[in-house]
Amino acid sequence: MRFGEFFRAMRAKHGQSLREFCLANGFDPANISRLERGLLPPPESRDKLEGYAKALRLKKGSDDWYNLFDLAAAERGRIPQDVLRDSELMGMLPVLFRTLRGQRVDPDALDDLVERIRRA
C-alpha cells in the first residue's frame, strides 16, 4: 500500500468525505486529494506528518501511526528516523537489503535478523 492509499483508507475509516475531513482540520481539499492519489509526495516534515496523524485520529505509537510514517519515508526514499537512531537496527539493514534482493547473506547475520523480527 502506498502513502496516499493508506491516508485515504484512514480518513474513510471514520466516515469522512474528503471535504468534511479538510474542513474539520483546516486542510486544502485539492492538496489532500493530490496526496491521496499519489500526485503529491508525502511530506518530509515530522510536524506535518504528526498533524496528519492527529487529524486521522491515529494513536501515537500504534501500528497505524508507524505505518503512516514508514510509508511516507519509504515513498520519499528515506529510512525512518527511529530506525536511523537505532544502531543495532542500522547494522541489520544491509542484511535485510541483500535478503530482499535475493543475494547470498551470511547465515549468522540472517539468523540475527530473523530473531530480531520475531521479538518485534
PDB file of N, CA and C in Angstrom:
ATOM      1  N   MET A   1       0.850  -1.182   0.000  1.00  0.00           N
ATOM      2  CA  MET A   1       0.000   0.000   0.000  1.00  0.00           C
ATOM      3  C   MET A   1       0.892   1.239   0.000  1.00  0.00           C
ATOM      4  N   ARG A   2       0.482   2.223  -0.740  1.00  0.00           N
ATOM      5  CA  ARG A   2       1.221   3.487  -0.812  1.00  0.00           C
ATOM      6  C   ARG A   2       0.684   4.468   0.217  1.00  0.00           C
ATOM      7  N   PHE A   3       1.447   5.530   0.447  1.00  0.00           N
ATOM      8  CA  PHE A   3       1.094   6.528   1.453  1.00  0.00           C
ATOM      9  C   PHE A   3      -0.309   7.091   1.222  1.00  0.00           C
ATOM     10  N   GLY A   4      -0.580   7.527  -0.007  1.00  0.00           N
ATOM     11  CA  GLY A   4      -1.878   8.137  -0.303  1.00  0.00           C
ATOM     12  C   GLY A   4      -3.039   7.184  -0.107  1.00  0.00           C
ATOM     13  N   GLU A   5      -2.849   5.933  -0.493  1.00  0.00           N
ATOM     14  CA  GLU A   5      -3.899   4.920  -0.297  1.00  0.00           C
ATOM     15  C   GLU A   5      -4.174   4.707   1.188  1.00  0.00           C
ATOM     16  N   PHE A   6      -3.102   4.644   1.964  1.00  0.00           N
ATOM     17  CA  PHE A   6      -3.244   4.467   3.407  1.00  0.00           C
ATOM     18  C   PHE A   6      -3.950   5.677   4.017  1.00  0.00           C
ATOM     19  N   PHE A   7      -3.541   6.860   3.606  1.00  0.00           N
ATOM     20  CA  PHE A   7      -4.145   8.096   4.101  1.00  0.00           C
ATOM     21  C   PHE A   7      -5.651   8.076   3.831  1.00  0.00           C
ATOM     22  N   ARG A   8      -6.025   7.763   2.599  1.00  0.00           N
ATOM     23  CA  ARG A   8      -7.441   7.720   2.214  1.00  0.00           C
ATOM     24  C   ARG A   8      -8.195   6.680   3.046  1.00  0.00           C
ATOM     25  N   ALA A   9      -7.592   5.517   3.227  1.00  0.00           N
ATOM     26  CA  ALA A   9      -8.250   4.453   3.999  1.00  0.00           C
ATOM     27  C   ALA A   9      -8.483   4.886   5.452  1.00  0.00           C
ATOM     28  N   MET A  10      -7.509   5.559   6.047  1.00  0.00           N
ATOM     29  CA  MET A  10      -7.656   6.021   7.428  1.00  0.00           C
ATOM     30  C   MET A  10      -8.722   7.114   7.530  1.00  0.00           C
ATOM     31  N   ARG A  11      -8.770   7.992   6.535  1.00  0.00           N
ATOM     32  CA  ARG A  11      -9.802   9.039   6.533  1.00  0.00           C
ATOM     33  C   ARG A  11     -11.180   8.404   6.391  1.00  0.00           C
ATOM     34  N   ALA A  12     -11.305   7.474   5.453  1.00  0.00           N
ATOM     35  CA  ALA A  12     -12.594   6.829   5.181  1.00  0.00           C
ATOM     36  C   ALA A  12     -13.044   5.968   6.362  1.00  0.00           C
ATOM     37  N   LYS A  13     -12.102   5.463   7.117  1.00  0.00           N
ATOM     38  CA  LYS A  13     -12.418   4.627   8.283  1.00  0.00           C
ATOM     39  C   LYS A  13     -13.336   5.369   9.255  1.00  0.00           C
ATOM     40  N   HIS A  14     -13.210   6.678   9.291  1.00  0.00           N
ATOM     41  CA  HIS A  14     -14.021   7.497  10.188  1.00  0.00           C
ATOM     42  C   HIS A  14     -15.252   8.074   9.486  1.00  0.00           C
ATOM     43  N   GLY A  15     -15.480   7.619   8.253  1.00  0.00           N
ATOM     44  CA  GLY A  15     -16.687   8.019   7.533  1.00  0.00           C
ATOM     45  C   GLY A  15     -16.699   9.458   7.064  1.00  0.00           C
ATOM     46  N   GLN A  16     -15.530  10.058   6.928  1.00  0.00           N
ATOM     47  CA  GLN A  16     -15.475  11.451   6.483  1.00  0.00           C
ATOM     48  C   GLN A  16     -15.171  11.523   4.992  1.00  0.00           C
ATOM     49  N   SER A  17     -15.929  12.366   4.320  1.00  0.00           N
ATOM     50  CA  SER A  17     -15.592  12.654   2.926  1.00  0.00           C
ATOM     51  C   SER A  17     -14.327  13.504   2.924  1.00  0.00           C
ATOM     52  N   LEU A  18     -13.742  13.641   1.761  1.00  0.00           N
ATOM     53  CA  LEU A  18     -12.543  14.467   1.636  1.00  0.00           C
ATOM     54  C   LEU A  18     -12.826  15.889   2.104  1.00  0.00           C
ATOM     55  N   ARG A  19     -13.920  16.441   1.651  1.00  0.00           N
ATOM     56  CA  ARG A  19     -14.249  17.839   2.026  1.00  0.00           C
ATOM     57  C   ARG A  19     -14.527  17.970   3.518  1.00  0.00           C
ATOM     58  N   GLU A  20     -15.241  17.018   4.095  1.00  0.00           N
ATOM     59  CA  GLU A  20     -15.518  17.070   5.534  1.00  0.00           C
ATOM     60  C   GLU A  20     -14.212  17.007   6.337  1.00  0.00           C
ATOM     61  N   PHE A  21     -13.351  16.099   5.939  1.00  0.00           N
ATOM     62  CA  PHE A  21     -12.066  15.939   6.617  1.00  0.00           C
ATOM     63  C   PHE A  21     -11.253  17.227   6.546  1.00  0.00           C
ATOM     64  N   CYS A  22     -11.177  17.808   5.369  1.00  0.00           N
ATOM     65  CA  CYS A  22     -10.376  19.028   5.181  1.00  0.00           C
ATOM     66  C   CYS A  22     -10.975  20.208   5.932  1.00  0.00           C
ATOM     67  N   LEU A  23     -12.275  20.331   5.899  1.00  0.00           N
ATOM     68  CA  LEU A  23     -12.944  21.429   6.609  1.00  0.00           C
ATOM     69  C   LEU A  23     -12.717  21.304   8.114  1.00  0.00           C
ATOM     70  N   ALA A  24     -12.829  20.097   8.640  1.00  0.00           N
ATOM     71  CA  ALA A  24     -12.662  19.876  10.077  1.00  0.00           C
ATOM     72  C   ALA A  24     -11.224  20.099  10.546  1.00  0.00           C
ATOM     73  N   ASN A  25     -10.262  19.948   9.629  1.00  0.00           N
ATOM     74  CA  ASN A  25      -8.855  20.007  10.042  1.00  0.00           C
ATOM     75  C   ASN A  25      -8.052  21.142   9.411  1.00  0.00           C
ATOM     76  N   GLY A  26      -8.708  21.979   8.619  1.00  0.00           N
ATOM     77  CA  GLY A  26      -8.030  23.132   8.037  1.00  0.00           C
ATOM     78  C   GLY A  26      -7.074  22.800   6.905  1.00  0.00           C
ATOM     79  N   PHE A  27      -7.344  21.718   6.173  1.00  0.00           N
ATOM     80  CA  PHE A  27      -6.504  21.326   5.045  1.00  0.00           C
ATOM     81  C   PHE A  27      -7.147  21.750   3.738  1.00  0.00           C
ATOM     82  N   ASP A  28      -6.320  21.936   2.720  1.00  0.00           N
ATOM     83  CA  ASP A  28      -6.802  22.266   1.391  1.00  0.00           C
ATOM     84  C   ASP A  28      -7.266  20.976   0.694  1.00  0.00           C
ATOM     85  N   PRO A  29      -8.548  20.888   0.319  1.00  0.00           N
ATOM     86  CA  PRO A  29      -9.054  19.659  -0.305  1.00  0.00           C
ATOM     87  C   PRO A  29      -8.302  19.262  -1.577  1.00  0.00           C
ATOM     88  N   ALA A  30      -7.892  20.231  -2.379  1.00  0.00           N
ATOM     89  CA  ALA A  30      -7.182  19.916  -3.624  1.00  0.00           C
ATOM     90  C   ALA A  30      -5.846  19.239  -3.317  1.00  0.00           C
ATOM     91  N   ASN A  31      -5.125  19.755  -2.316  1.00  0.00           N
ATOM     92  CA  ASN A  31      -3.831  19.166  -1.970  1.00  0.00           C
ATOM     93  C   ASN A  31      -3.990  17.786  -1.334  1.00  0.00           C
ATOM     94  N   ILE A  32      -4.976  17.614  -0.483  1.00  0.00           N
ATOM     95  CA  ILE A  32      -5.192  16.304   0.136  1.00  0.00           C
ATOM     96  C   ILE A  32      -5.628  15.300  -0.926  1.00  0.00           C
ATOM     97  N   SER A  33      -6.433  15.738  -1.875  1.00  0.00           N
ATOM     98  CA  SER A  33      -6.832  14.854  -2.970  1.00  0.00           C
ATOM     99  C   SER A  33      -5.608  14.411  -3.771  1.00  0.00           C
ATOM    100  N   ARG A  34      -4.721  15.338  -4.074  1.00  0.00           N
ATOM    101  CA  ARG A  34      -3.491  15.007  -4.803  1.00  0.00           C
ATOM    102  C   ARG A  34      -2.611  14.052  -3.998  1.00  0.00           C
ATOM    103  N   LEU A  35      -2.544  14.292  -2.696  1.00  0.00           N
ATOM    104  CA  LEU A  35      -1.762  13.444  -1.811  1.00  0.00           C
ATOM    105  C   LEU A  35      -2.323  12.012  -1.812  1.00  0.00           C
ATOM    106  N   GLU A  36      -3.622  11.891  -1.687  1.00  0.00           N
ATOM    107  CA  GLU A  36      -4.267  10.577  -1.661  1.00  0.00           C
ATOM    108  C   GLU A  36      -4.125   9.832  -2.989  1.00  0.00           C
ATOM    109  N   ARG A  37      -4.088  10.571  -4.074  1.00  0.00           N
ATOM    110  CA  ARG A  37      -3.952   9.940  -5.396  1.00  0.00           C
ATOM    111  C   ARG A  37      -2.498   9.732  -5.811  1.00  0.00           C
ATOM    112  N   GLY A  38      -1.569  10.123  -4.945  1.00  0.00           N
ATOM    113  CA  GLY A  38      -0.153   9.930  -5.237  1.00  0.00           C
ATOM    114  C   GLY A  38       0.429  10.956  -6.183  1.00  0.00           C
ATOM    115  N   LEU A  39      -0.282  12.050  -6.391  1.00  0.00           N
ATOM    116  CA  LEU A  39       0.229  13.106  -7.274  1.00  0.00           C
ATOM    117  C   LEU A  39       1.128  14.087  -6.529  1.00  0.00           C
ATOM    118  N   LEU A  40       1.012  14.114  -5.211  1.00  0.00           N
ATOM    119  CA  LEU A  40       1.919  14.886  -4.349  1.00  0.00           C
ATOM    120  C   LEU A  40       2.671  13.889  -3.482  1.00  0.00           C
ATOM    121  N   PRO A  41       3.954  14.102  -3.275  1.00  0.00           N
ATOM    122  CA  PRO A  41       4.694  13.189  -2.390  1.00  0.00           C
ATOM    123  C   PRO A  41       4.300  13.431  -0.936  1.00  0.00           C
ATOM    124  N   PRO A  42       4.496  12.436  -0.092  1.00  0.00           N
ATOM    125  CA  PRO A  42       4.237  12.647   1.338  1.00  0.00           C
ATOM    126  C   PRO A  42       5.163  13.735   1.869  1.00  0.00           C
ATOM    127  N   PRO A  43       4.730  14.434   2.897  1.00  0.00           N
ATOM    128  CA  PRO A  43       5.592  15.486   3.448  1.00  0.00           C
ATOM    129  C   PRO A  43       6.832  14.900   4.107  1.00  0.00           C
ATOM    130  N   GLU A  44       7.911  15.670   4.110  1.00  0.00           N
ATOM    131  CA  GLU A  44       9.141  15.275   4.809  1.00  0.00           C
ATOM    132  C   GLU A  44       9.081  15.690   6.273  1.00  0.00           C
ATOM    133  N   SER A  45       8.370  16.757   6.547  1.00  0.00           N
ATOM    134  CA  SER A  45       8.320  17.329   7.886  1.00  0.00           C
ATOM    135  C   SER A  45       7.610  16.400   8.878  1.00  0.00           C
ATOM    136  N   ARG A  46       8.309  16.102   9.960  1.00  0.00           N
ATOM    137  CA  ARG A  46       7.699  15.279  11.016  1.00  0.00           C
ATOM    138  C   ARG A  46       6.486  15.994  11.602  1.00  0.00           C
ATOM    139  N   ASP A  47       6.579  17.319  11.768  1.00  0.00           N
ATOM    140  CA  ASP A  47       5.445  18.085  12.307  1.00  0.00           C
ATOM    141  C   ASP A  47       4.212  17.946  11.416  1.00  0.00           C
ATOM    142  N   LYS A  48       4.424  18.022  10.102  1.00  0.00           N
ATOM    143  CA  LYS A  48       3.307  17.895   9.160  1.00  0.00           C
ATOM    144  C   LYS A  48       2.707  16.491   9.240  1.00  0.00           C
ATOM    145  N   LEU A  49       3.574  15.469   9.285  1.00  0.00           N
ATOM    146  CA  LEU A  49       3.083  14.092   9.396  1.00  0.00           C
ATOM    147  C   LEU A  49       2.339  13.878  10.711  1.00  0.00           C
ATOM    148  N   GLU A  50       2.843  14.461  11.795  1.00  0.00           N
ATOM    149  CA  GLU A  50       2.145  14.344  13.074  1.00  0.00           C
ATOM    150  C   GLU A  50       0.787  15.039  13.016  1.00  0.00           C
ATOM    151  N   GLY A  51       0.719  16.179  12.302  1.00  0.00           N
ATOM    152  CA  GLY A  51      -0.564  16.858  12.121  1.00  0.00           C
ATOM    153  C   GLY A  51      -1.548  15.985  11.355  1.00  0.00           C
ATOM    154  N   TYR A  52      -1.061  15.326  10.320  1.00  0.00           N
ATOM    155  CA  TYR A  52      -1.923  14.397   9.573  1.00  0.00           C
ATOM    156  C   TYR A  52      -2.354  13.232  10.463  1.00  0.00           C
ATOM    157  N   ALA A  53      -1.411  12.685  11.218  1.00  0.00           N
ATOM    158  CA  ALA A  53      -1.732  11.555  12.097  1.00  0.00           C
ATOM    159  C   ALA A  53      -2.813  11.945  13.108  1.00  0.00           C
ATOM    160  N   LYS A  54      -2.680  13.127  13.662  1.00  0.00           N
ATOM    161  CA  LYS A  54      -3.675  13.613  14.625  1.00  0.00           C
ATOM    162  C   LYS A  54      -5.031  13.777  13.950  1.00  0.00           C
ATOM    163  N   ALA A  55      -5.028  14.377  12.769  1.00  0.00           N
ATOM    164  CA  ALA A  55      -6.284  14.585  12.034  1.00  0.00           C
ATOM    165  C   ALA A  55      -6.939  13.256  11.656  1.00  0.00           C
ATOM    166  N   LEU A  56      -6.105  12.255  11.391  1.00  0.00           N
ATOM    167  CA  LEU A  56      -6.614  10.925  11.034  1.00  0.00           C
ATOM    168  C   LEU A  56      -6.972  10.093  12.266  1.00  0.00           C
ATOM    169  N   ARG A  57      -6.774  10.685  13.449  1.00  0.00           N
ATOM    170  CA  ARG A  57      -7.074  10.049  14.734  1.00  0.00           C
ATOM    171  C   ARG A  57      -6.250   8.778  14.964  1.00  0.00           C
ATOM    172  N   LEU A  58      -4.987   8.855  14.589  1.00  0.00           N
ATOM    173  CA  LEU A  58      -4.092   7.728  14.808  1.00  0.00           C
ATOM    174  C   LEU A  58      -3.461   7.872  16.181  1.00  0.00           C
ATOM    175  N   LYS A  59      -3.518   6.825  16.959  1.00  0.00           N
ATOM    176  CA  LYS A  59      -2.949   6.850  18.300  1.00  0.00           C
ATOM    177  C   LYS A  59      -1.429   6.786  18.197  1.00  0.00           C
ATOM    178  N   LYS A  60      -0.763   7.721  18.862  1.00  0.00           N
ATOM    179  CA  LYS A  60       0.695   7.766  18.820  1.00  0.00           C
ATOM    180  C   LYS A  60       1.261   6.442  19.309  1.00  0.00           C
ATOM    181  N   GLY A  61       2.180   5.872  18.510  1.00  0.00           N
ATOM    182  CA  GLY A  61       2.801   4.609  18.855  1.00  0.00           C
ATOM    183  C   GLY A  61       2.046   3.379  18.365  1.00  0.00           C
ATOM    184  N   SER A  62       0.873   3.578  17.765  1.00  0.00           N
ATOM    185  CA  SER A  62       0.097   2.445  17.251  1.00  0.00           C
ATOM    186  C   SER A  62       0.687   1.958  15.929  1.00  0.00           C
ATOM    187  N   ASP A  63       0.250   0.786  15.487  1.00  0.00           N
ATOM    188  CA  ASP A  63       0.698   0.268  14.193  1.00  0.00           C
ATOM    189  C   ASP A  63       0.349   1.237  13.068  1.00  0.00           C
ATOM    190  N   ASP A  64      -0.856   1.799  13.112  1.00  0.00           N
ATOM    191  CA  ASP A  64      -1.258   2.746  12.069  1.00  0.00           C
ATOM    192  C   ASP A  64      -0.392   3.998  12.095  1.00  0.00           C
ATOM    193  N   TRP A  65      -0.030   4.468  13.286  1.00  0.00           N
ATOM    194  CA  TRP A  65       0.857   5.635  13.434  1.00  0.00           C
ATOM    195  C   TRP A  65       2.185   5.372  12.724  1.00  0.00           C
ATOM    196  N   TYR A  66       2.805   4.238  13.073  1.00  0.00           N
ATOM    197  CA  TYR A  66       4.095   3.905  12.465  1.00  0.00           C
ATOM    198  C   TYR A  66       3.951   3.647  10.967  1.00  0.00           C
ATOM    199  N   ASN A  67       2.848   3.058  10.572  1.00  0.00           N
ATOM    200  CA  ASN A  67       2.630   2.793   9.152  1.00  0.00           C
ATOM    201  C   ASN A  67       2.598   4.093   8.357  1.00  0.00           C
ATOM    202  N   LEU A  68       1.923   5.114   8.873  1.00  0.00           N
ATOM    203  CA  LEU A  68       1.868   6.413   8.197  1.00  0.00           C
ATOM    204  C   LEU A  68       3.278   6.973   7.997  1.00  0.00           C
ATOM    205  N   PHE A  69       4.089   6.951   9.054  1.00  0.00           N
ATOM    206  CA  PHE A  69       5.438   7.498   8.984  1.00  0.00           C
ATOM    207  C   PHE A  69       6.347   6.637   8.105  1.00  0.00           C
ATOM    208  N   ASP A  70       6.203   5.314   8.225  1.00  0.00           N
ATOM    209  CA  ASP A  70       7.041   4.417   7.421  1.00  0.00           C
ATOM    210  C   ASP A  70       6.716   4.519   5.937  1.00  0.00           C
ATOM    211  N   LEU A  71       5.429   4.602   5.606  1.00  0.00           N
ATOM    212  CA  LEU A  71       5.045   4.735   4.196  1.00  0.00           C
ATOM    213  C   LEU A  71       5.547   6.059   3.621  1.00  0.00           C
ATOM    214  N   ALA A  72       5.468   7.124   4.421  1.00  0.00           N
ATOM    215  CA  ALA A  72       5.972   8.425   3.967  1.00  0.00           C
ATOM    216  C   ALA A  72       7.472   8.350   3.703  1.00  0.00           C
ATOM    217  N   ALA A  73       8.207   7.755   4.631  1.00  0.00           N
ATOM    218  CA  ALA A  73       9.666   7.643   4.467  1.00  0.00           C
ATOM    219  C   ALA A  73      10.011   6.785   3.258  1.00  0.00           C
ATOM    220  N   ALA A  74       9.354   5.642   3.137  1.00  0.00           N
ATOM    221  CA  ALA A  74       9.649   4.731   2.031  1.00  0.00           C
ATOM    222  C   ALA A  74       9.363   5.380   0.689  1.00  0.00           C
ATOM    223  N   GLU A  75       8.240   6.077   0.606  1.00  0.00           N
ATOM    224  CA  GLU A  75       7.882   6.697  -0.669  1.00  0.00           C
ATOM    225  C   GLU A  75       8.822   7.834  -1.037  1.00  0.00           C
ATOM    226  N   ARG A  76       9.423   8.448  -0.043  1.00  0.00           N
ATOM    227  CA  ARG A  76      10.388   9.519  -0.305  1.00  0.00           C
ATOM    228  C   ARG A  76      11.814   8.966  -0.425  1.00  0.00           C
ATOM    229  N   GLY A  77      11.959   7.645  -0.303  1.00  0.00           N
ATOM    230  CA  GLY A  77      13.280   7.038  -0.434  1.00  0.00           C
ATOM    231  C   GLY A  77      14.163   7.269   0.779  1.00  0.00           C
ATOM    232  N   ARG A  78      13.564   7.357   1.942  1.00  0.00           N
ATOM    233  CA  ARG A  78      14.309   7.627   3.169  1.00  0.00           C
ATOM    234  C   ARG A  78      14.123   6.489   4.168  1.00  0.00           C
ATOM    235  N   ILE A  79      15.059   6.393   5.088  1.00  0.00           N
ATOM    236  CA  ILE A  79      14.950   5.446   6.188  1.00  0.00           C
ATOM    237  C   ILE A  79      14.272   6.187   7.344  1.00  0.00           C
ATOM    238  N   PRO A  80      13.252   5.585   7.971  1.00  0.00           N
ATOM    239  CA  PRO A  80      12.561   6.254   9.084  1.00  0.00           C
ATOM    240  C   PRO A  80      13.531   6.678  10.191  1.00  0.00           C
ATOM    241  N   GLN A  81      13.256   7.825  10.790  1.00  0.00           N
ATOM    242  CA  GLN A  81      14.137   8.411  11.804  1.00  0.00           C
ATOM    243  C   GLN A  81      14.379   7.492  12.987  1.00  0.00           C
ATOM    244  N   ASP A  82      13.348   6.779  13.439  1.00  0.00           N
ATOM    245  CA  ASP A  82      13.544   5.908  14.595  1.00  0.00           C
ATOM    246  C   ASP A  82      14.501   4.763  14.271  1.00  0.00           C
ATOM    247  N   VAL A  83      14.518   4.321  13.028  1.00  0.00           N
ATOM    248  CA  VAL A  83      15.463   3.280  12.611  1.00  0.00           C
ATOM    249  C   VAL A  83      16.871   3.861  12.546  1.00  0.00           C
ATOM    250  N   LEU A  84      16.998   5.068  12.021  1.00  0.00           N
ATOM    251  CA  LEU A  84      18.313   5.714  11.939  1.00  0.00           C
ATOM    252  C   LEU A  84      18.947   5.894  13.313  1.00  0.00           C
ATOM    253  N   ARG A  85      18.129   6.124  14.313  1.00  0.00           N
ATOM    254  CA  ARG A  85      18.657   6.348  15.668  1.00  0.00           C
ATOM    255  C   ARG A  85      19.054   5.049  16.377  1.00  0.00           C
ATOM    256  N   ASP A  86      18.634   3.914  15.854  1.00  0.00           N
ATOM    257  CA  ASP A  86      18.895   2.620  16.490  1.00  0.00           C
ATOM    258  C   ASP A  86      20.080   1.945  15.786  1.00  0.00           C
ATOM    259  N   SER A  87      21.254   1.982  16.423  1.00  0.00           N
ATOM    260  CA  SER A  87      22.460   1.458  15.772  1.00  0.00           C
ATOM    261  C   SER A  87      22.357  -0.039  15.498  1.00  0.00           C
ATOM    262  N   GLU A  88      21.684  -0.785  16.363  1.00  0.00           N
ATOM    263  CA  GLU A  88      21.526  -2.225  16.134  1.00  0.00           C
ATOM    264  C   GLU A  88      20.694  -2.476  14.870  1.00  0.00           C
ATOM    265  N   LEU A  89      19.600  -1.733  14.724  1.00  0.00           N
ATOM    266  CA  LEU A  89      18.775  -1.864  13.515  1.00  0.00           C
ATOM    267  C   LEU A  89      19.537  -1.444  12.276  1.00  0.00           C
ATOM    268  N   MET A  90      20.279  -0.361  12.379  1.00  0.00           N
ATOM    269  CA  MET A  90      21.054   0.108  11.230  1.00  0.00           C
ATOM    270  C   MET A  90      22.052  -0.954  10.781  1.00  0.00           C
ATOM    271  N   GLY A  91      22.612  -1.676  11.726  1.00  0.00           N
ATOM    272  CA  GLY A  91      23.540  -2.739  11.390  1.00  0.00           C
ATOM    273  C   GLY A  91      22.876  -3.904  10.679  1.00  0.00           C
ATOM    274  N   MET A  92      21.562  -4.047  10.862  1.00  0.00           N
ATOM    275  CA  MET A  92      20.818  -5.133  10.227  1.00  0.00           C
ATOM    276  C   MET A  92      20.338  -4.776   8.810  1.00  0.00           C
ATOM    277  N   LEU A  93      20.302  -3.517   8.484  1.00  0.00           N
ATOM    278  CA  LEU A  93      19.751  -3.112   7.183  1.00  0.00           C
ATOM    279  C   LEU A  93      20.481  -3.736   5.993  1.00  0.00           C
ATOM    280  N   PRO A  94      21.808  -3.785   5.981  1.00  0.00           N
ATOM    281  CA  PRO A  94      22.459  -4.420   4.823  1.00  0.00           C
ATOM    282  C   PRO A  94      22.030  -5.876   4.631  1.00  0.00           C
ATOM    283  N   VAL A  95      21.854  -6.607   5.734  1.00  0.00           N
ATOM    284  CA  VAL A  95      21.395  -7.995   5.645  1.00  0.00           C
ATOM    285  C   VAL A  95      19.991  -8.041   5.050  1.00  0.00           C
ATOM    286  N   LEU A  96      19.139  -7.162   5.529  1.00  0.00           N
ATOM    287  CA  LEU A  96      17.772  -7.095   5.012  1.00  0.00           C
ATOM    288  C   LEU A  96      17.769  -6.767   3.519  1.00  0.00           C
ATOM    289  N   PHE A  97      18.544  -5.786   3.124  1.00  0.00           N
ATOM    290  CA  PHE A  97      18.582  -5.390   1.712  1.00  0.00           C
ATOM    291  C   PHE A  97      19.079  -6.528   0.824  1.00  0.00           C
ATOM    292  N   ARG A  98      20.146  -7.204   1.274  1.00  0.00           N
ATOM    293  CA  ARG A  98      20.662  -8.330   0.493  1.00  0.00           C
ATOM    294  C   ARG A  98      19.620  -9.444   0.392  1.00  0.00           C
ATOM    295  N   THR A  99      18.946  -9.703   1.489  1.00  0.00           N
ATOM    296  CA  THR A  99      17.909 -10.738   1.500  1.00  0.00           C
ATOM    297  C   THR A  99      16.788 -10.384   0.535  1.00  0.00           C
ATOM    298  N   LEU A 100      16.354  -9.138   0.564  1.00  0.00           N
ATOM    299  CA  LEU A 100      15.278  -8.705  -0.329  1.00  0.00           C
ATOM    300  C   LEU A 100      15.683  -8.807  -1.794  1.00  0.00           C
ATOM    301  N   ARG A 101      16.968  -8.615  -2.066  1.00  0.00           N
ATOM    302  CA  ARG A 101      17.459  -8.717  -3.442  1.00  0.00           C
ATOM    303  C   ARG A 101      17.743 -10.158  -3.856  1.00  0.00           C
ATOM    304  N   GLY A 102      17.642 -11.087  -2.897  1.00  0.00           N
ATOM    305  CA  GLY A 102      17.919 -12.481  -3.205  1.00  0.00           C
ATOM    306  C   GLY A 102      19.402 -12.804  -3.266  1.00  0.00           C
ATOM    307  N   GLN A 103      20.236 -11.944  -2.690  1.00  0.00           N
ATOM    308  CA  GLN A 103      21.675 -12.174  -2.703  1.00  0.00           C
ATOM    309  C   GLN A 103      22.086 -13.056  -1.523  1.00  0.00           C
ATOM    310  N   ARG A 104      23.244 -13.651  -1.648  1.00  0.00           N
ATOM    311  CA  ARG A 104      23.784 -14.510  -0.588  1.00  0.00           C
ATOM    312  C   ARG A 104      24.064 -13.660   0.661  1.00  0.00           C
ATOM    313  N   VAL A 105      23.659 -14.195   1.813  1.00  0.00           N
ATOM    314  CA  VAL A 105      23.807 -13.486   3.077  1.00  0.00           C
ATOM    315  C   VAL A 105      24.487 -14.408   4.076  1.00  0.00           C
ATOM    316  N   ASP A 106      25.326 -13.843   4.923  1.00  0.00           N
ATOM    317  CA  ASP A 106      25.953 -14.600   5.997  1.00  0.00           C
ATOM    318  C   ASP A 106      24.848 -15.222   6.858  1.00  0.00           C
ATOM    319  N   PRO A 107      24.856 -16.545   7.038  1.00  0.00           N
ATOM    320  CA  PRO A 107      23.781 -17.217   7.786  1.00  0.00           C
ATOM    321  C   PRO A 107      23.614 -16.704   9.213  1.00  0.00           C
ATOM    322  N   ASP A 108      24.709 -16.380   9.893  1.00  0.00           N
ATOM    323  CA  ASP A 108      24.595 -15.859  11.266  1.00  0.00           C
ATOM    324  C   ASP A 108      23.920 -14.495  11.280  1.00  0.00           C
ATOM    325  N   ALA A 109      24.257 -13.648  10.324  1.00  0.00           N
ATOM    326  CA  ALA A 109      23.633 -12.327  10.237  1.00  0.00           C
ATOM    327  C   ALA A 109      22.142 -12.473   9.932  1.00  0.00           C
ATOM    328  N   LEU A 110      21.798 -13.415   9.065  1.00  0.00           N
ATOM    329  CA  LEU A 110      20.393 -13.645   8.739  1.00  0.00           C
ATOM    330  C   LEU A 110      19.644 -14.173   9.956  1.00  0.00           C
ATOM    331  N   ASP A 111      20.265 -15.078  10.714  1.00  0.00           N
ATOM    332  CA  ASP A 111      19.640 -15.585  11.941  1.00  0.00           C
ATOM    333  C   ASP A 111      19.387 -14.453  12.928  1.00  0.00           C
ATOM    334  N   ASP A 112      20.350 -13.532  13.057  1.00  0.00           N
ATOM    335  CA  ASP A 112      20.170 -12.376  13.940  1.00  0.00           C
ATOM    336  C   ASP A 112      18.988 -11.524  13.497  1.00  0.00           C
ATOM    337  N   LEU A 113      18.874 -11.303  12.206  1.00  0.00           N
ATOM    338  CA  LEU A 113      17.762 -10.514  11.677  1.00  0.00           C
ATOM    339  C   LEU A 113      16.431 -11.211  11.953  1.00  0.00           C
ATOM    340  N   VAL A 114      16.370 -12.499  11.693  1.00  0.00           N
ATOM    341  CA  VAL A 114      15.134 -13.255  11.923  1.00  0.00           C
ATOM    342  C   VAL A 114      14.747 -13.197  13.408  1.00  0.00           C
ATOM    343  N   GLU A 115      15.715 -13.351  14.291  1.00  0.00           N
ATOM    344  CA  GLU A 115      15.425 -13.295  15.727  1.00  0.00           C
ATOM    345  C   GLU A 115      14.906 -11.921  16.126  1.00  0.00           C
ATOM    346  N   ARG A 116      15.499 -10.893  15.570  1.00  0.00           N
ATOM    347  CA  ARG A 116      15.037  -9.521  15.888  1.00  0.00           C
ATOM    348  C   ARG A 116      13.597  -9.323  15.407  1.00  0.00           C
ATOM    349  N   ILE A 117      13.274  -9.851  14.251  1.00  0.00           N
ATOM    350  CA  ILE A 117      11.898  -9.742  13.723  1.00  0.00           C
ATOM    351  C   ILE A 117      10.931 -10.500  14.622  1.00  0.00           C
ATOM    352  N   ARG A 118      11.326 -11.674  15.071  1.00  0.00           N
ATOM    353  CA  ARG A 118      10.458 -12.461  15.957  1.00  0.00           C
ATOM    354  C   ARG A 118      10.169 -11.737  17.269  1.00  0.00           C
ATOM    355  N   ARG A 119      11.155 -11.018  17.783  1.00  0.00           N
ATOM    356  CA  ARG A 119      10.984 -10.297  19.060  1.00  0.00           C
ATOM    357  C   ARG A 119      10.120  -9.059  18.898  1.00  0.00           C
ATOM    358  N   ALA A 120       9.994  -8.576  17.684  1.00  0.00           N
ATOM    359  CA  ALA A 120       9.255  -7.319  17.459  1.00  0.00           C
ATOM    360  C   ALA A 120       7.769  -7.494  17.688  1.00  0.00           C
TER     361      ALA A 120
END
